[in-house]
Amino acid sequence: MIARWLLELLLFFIVARLVWRFLAGLIDGLTPEGPRAPNAKSATLARDPVCGTFVVPGRALTIGDGPQKLYFCSEKCRNEFRSRGLGSGAARR
């Protein structure tokens, strides 16, 4: 008897949560501003020109300065880029 009551309570909680999340998403999608932005800060990513991997610029290996700066995911990609004769400038970490 108690087990059945607990299972019904659990089922009610799950259904109520599903309905609540559905309605919240529906309301969020219907607002003129669109969906709310997530709470977490987003990071700007740069694409490695050799393998196409996206990297965080602050942690990536680089070639060049200013607007000509290129970002690489690894030493291997940076060396391959240089071996193609495309890279010039100082390399930094």
C-alpha atoms as a PDB file:
ATOM      1  CA  MET A   1       0.000   0.000   0.000  1.00  0.00           C
ATOM      2  CA  ILE A   2       2.726   2.469   0.976  1.00  0.00           C
ATOM      3  CA  ALA A   3       4.904   1.365  -1.946  1.00  0.00           C
ATOM      4  CA  ARG A   4       2.059   2.034  -4.379  1.00  0.00           C
ATOM      5  CA  TRP A   5       1.471   5.465  -2.840  1.00  0.00           C
ATOM      6  CA  LEU A   6       5.187   6.313  -3.168  1.00  0.00           C
ATOM      7  CA  LEU A   7       5.254   5.166  -6.799  1.00  0.00           C
ATOM      8  CA  GLU A   8       2.182   7.275  -7.606  1.00  0.00           C
ATOM      9  CA  LEU A   9       3.791  10.278  -5.906  1.00  0.00           C
ATOM     10  CA  LEU A  10       6.984   9.757  -7.911  1.00  0.00           C
ATOM     11  CA  LEU A  11       5.001   9.436 -11.147  1.00  0.00           C
ATOM     12  CA  PHE A  12       3.075  12.611 -10.340  1.00  0.00           C
ATOM     13  CA  PHE A  13       6.339  14.468  -9.676  1.00  0.00           C
ATOM     14  CA  ILE A  14       7.841  13.326 -12.995  1.00  0.00           C
ATOM     15  CA  VAL A  15       4.742  14.242 -14.995  1.00  0.00           C
ATOM     16  CA  ALA A  16       4.457  17.635 -13.267  1.00  0.00           C
ATOM     17  CA  ARG A  17       8.111  18.384 -14.021  1.00  0.00           C
ATOM     18  CA  LEU A  18       7.702  17.408 -17.692  1.00  0.00           C
ATOM     19  CA  VAL A  19       4.649  19.648 -18.039  1.00  0.00           C
ATOM     20  CA  TRP A  20       6.415  22.529 -16.272  1.00  0.00           C
ATOM     21  CA  ARG A  21       9.517  22.291 -18.527  1.00  0.00           C
ATOM     22  CA  PHE A  22       7.367  22.015 -21.653  1.00  0.00           C
ATOM     23  CA  LEU A  23       5.371  25.128 -20.745  1.00  0.00           C
ATOM     24  CA  ALA A  24       8.525  27.066 -19.790  1.00  0.00           C
ATOM     25  CA  GLY A  25      10.112  26.204 -23.143  1.00  0.00           C
ATOM     26  CA  LEU A  26       6.949  27.106 -24.999  1.00  0.00           C
ATOM     27  CA  ILE A  27       6.720  30.489 -23.279  1.00  0.00           C
ATOM     28  CA  ASP A  28      10.448  31.107 -23.776  1.00  0.00           C
ATOM     29  CA  GLY A  29      10.179  30.351 -27.487  1.00  0.00           C
ATOM     30  CA  LEU A  30       7.151  32.603 -27.980  1.00  0.00           C
ATOM     31  CA  THR A  31       8.705  35.712 -26.440  1.00  0.00           C
ATOM     32  CA  PRO A  32       9.638  38.403 -28.989  1.00  0.00           C
ATOM     33  CA  GLU A  33      13.272  38.451 -27.839  1.00  0.00           C
ATOM     34  CA  GLY A  34      13.634  34.724 -28.491  1.00  0.00           C
ATOM     35  CA  PRO A  35      15.139  32.277 -26.025  1.00  0.00           C
ATOM     36  CA  ARG A  36      16.978  33.620 -23.009  1.00  0.00           C
ATOM     37  CA  ALA A  37      20.750  33.580 -23.112  1.00  0.00           C
ATOM     38  CA  PRO A  38      22.421  30.878 -21.027  1.00  0.00           C
ATOM     39  CA  ASN A  39      23.961  31.887 -17.712  1.00  0.00           C
ATOM     40  CA  ALA A  40      27.437  30.675 -18.625  1.00  0.00           C
ATOM     41  CA  LYS A  41      29.833  32.996 -20.428  1.00  0.00           C
ATOM     42  CA  SER A  42      30.657  31.966 -23.959  1.00  0.00           C
ATOM     43  CA  ALA A  43      34.210  31.776 -25.233  1.00  0.00           C
ATOM     44  CA  THR A  44      35.410  33.041 -28.586  1.00  0.00           C
ATOM     45  CA  LEU A  45      37.062  30.271 -30.557  1.00  0.00           C
ATOM     46  CA  ALA A  46      39.536  30.311 -33.438  1.00  0.00           C
ATOM     47  CA  ARG A  47      39.834  27.618 -36.098  1.00  0.00           C
ATOM     48  CA  ASP A  48      43.114  25.812 -36.722  1.00  0.00           C
ATOM     49  CA  PRO A  49      43.864  26.331 -40.461  1.00  0.00           C
ATOM     50  CA  VAL A  50      45.480  22.886 -40.793  1.00  0.00           C
ATOM     51  CA  CYS A  51      43.140  20.397 -39.118  1.00  0.00           C
ATOM     52  CA  GLY A  52      40.048  22.570 -38.578  1.00  0.00           C
ATOM     53  CA  THR A  53      39.889  22.086 -34.811  1.00  0.00           C
ATOM     54  CA  PHE A  54      38.435  24.986 -32.828  1.00  0.00           C
ATOM     55  CA  VAL A  55      40.776  26.270 -30.113  1.00  0.00           C
ATOM     56  CA  VAL A  56      40.623  28.858 -27.335  1.00  0.00           C
ATOM     57  CA  PRO A  57      42.939  31.685 -28.511  1.00  0.00           C
ATOM     58  CA  GLY A  58      44.455  32.200 -25.058  1.00  0.00           C
ATOM     59  CA  ARG A  59      45.663  28.593 -24.908  1.00  0.00           C
ATOM     60  CA  ALA A  60      46.560  28.017 -28.553  1.00  0.00           C
ATOM     61  CA  LEU A  61      49.911  28.093 -30.323  1.00  0.00           C
ATOM     62  CA  THR A  62      50.172  31.073 -32.672  1.00  0.00           C
ATOM     63  CA  ILE A  63      51.976  32.457 -35.698  1.00  0.00           C
ATOM     64  CA  GLY A  64      51.910  36.146 -36.616  1.00  0.00           C
ATOM     65  CA  ASP A  65      50.752  39.313 -34.912  1.00  0.00           C
ATOM     66  CA  GLY A  66      47.657  41.496 -34.879  1.00  0.00           C
ATOM     67  CA  PRO A  67      44.971  40.677 -37.425  1.00  0.00           C
ATOM     68  CA  GLN A  68      47.321  38.235 -39.185  1.00  0.00           C
ATOM     69  CA  LYS A  69      47.578  35.987 -36.098  1.00  0.00           C
ATOM     70  CA  LEU A  70      46.790  32.319 -36.714  1.00  0.00           C
ATOM     71  CA  TYR A  71      45.947  29.834 -33.958  1.00  0.00           C
ATOM     72  CA  PHE A  72      46.937  26.154 -33.869  1.00  0.00           C
ATOM     73  CA  CYS A  73      45.821  23.261 -31.703  1.00  0.00           C
ATOM     74  CA  SER A  74      49.243  21.595 -31.563  1.00  0.00           C
ATOM     75  CA  GLU A  75      52.888  21.906 -32.456  1.00  0.00           C
ATOM     76  CA  LYS A  76      52.313  19.331 -35.210  1.00  0.00           C
ATOM     77  CA  CYS A  77      49.722  21.519 -36.971  1.00  0.00           C
ATOM     78  CA  ARG A  78      51.853  24.638 -36.613  1.00  0.00           C
ATOM     79  CA  ASN A  79      54.907  22.857 -38.057  1.00  0.00           C
ATOM     80  CA  GLU A  80      52.843  21.453 -40.939  1.00  0.00           C
ATOM     81  CA  PHE A  81      51.585  24.957 -41.710  1.00  0.00           C
ATOM     82  CA  ARG A  82      55.170  26.258 -41.704  1.00  0.00           C
ATOM     83  CA  SER A  83      56.383  23.393 -43.906  1.00  0.00           C
ATOM     84  CA  ARG A  84      53.872  24.415 -46.561  1.00  0.00           C
ATOM     85  CA  GLY A  85      55.682  27.752 -46.693  1.00  0.00           C
ATOM     86  CA  LEU A  86      52.620  29.660 -45.568  1.00  0.00           C
ATOM     87  CA  GLY A  87      53.751  30.719 -42.115  1.00  0.00           C
ATOM     88  CA  SER A  88      55.938  33.660 -41.314  1.00  0.00           C
ATOM     89  CA  GLY A  89      56.555  35.652 -38.196  1.00  0.00           C
ATOM     90  CA  ALA A  90      57.380  34.764 -34.634  1.00  0.00           C
ATOM     91  CA  ALA A  91      55.881  31.682 -33.067  1.00  0.00           C
ATOM     92  CA  ARG A  92      54.606  31.951 -29.542  1.00  0.00           C
ATOM     93  CA  ARG A  93      52.689  29.916 -27.070  1.00  0.00           C
END
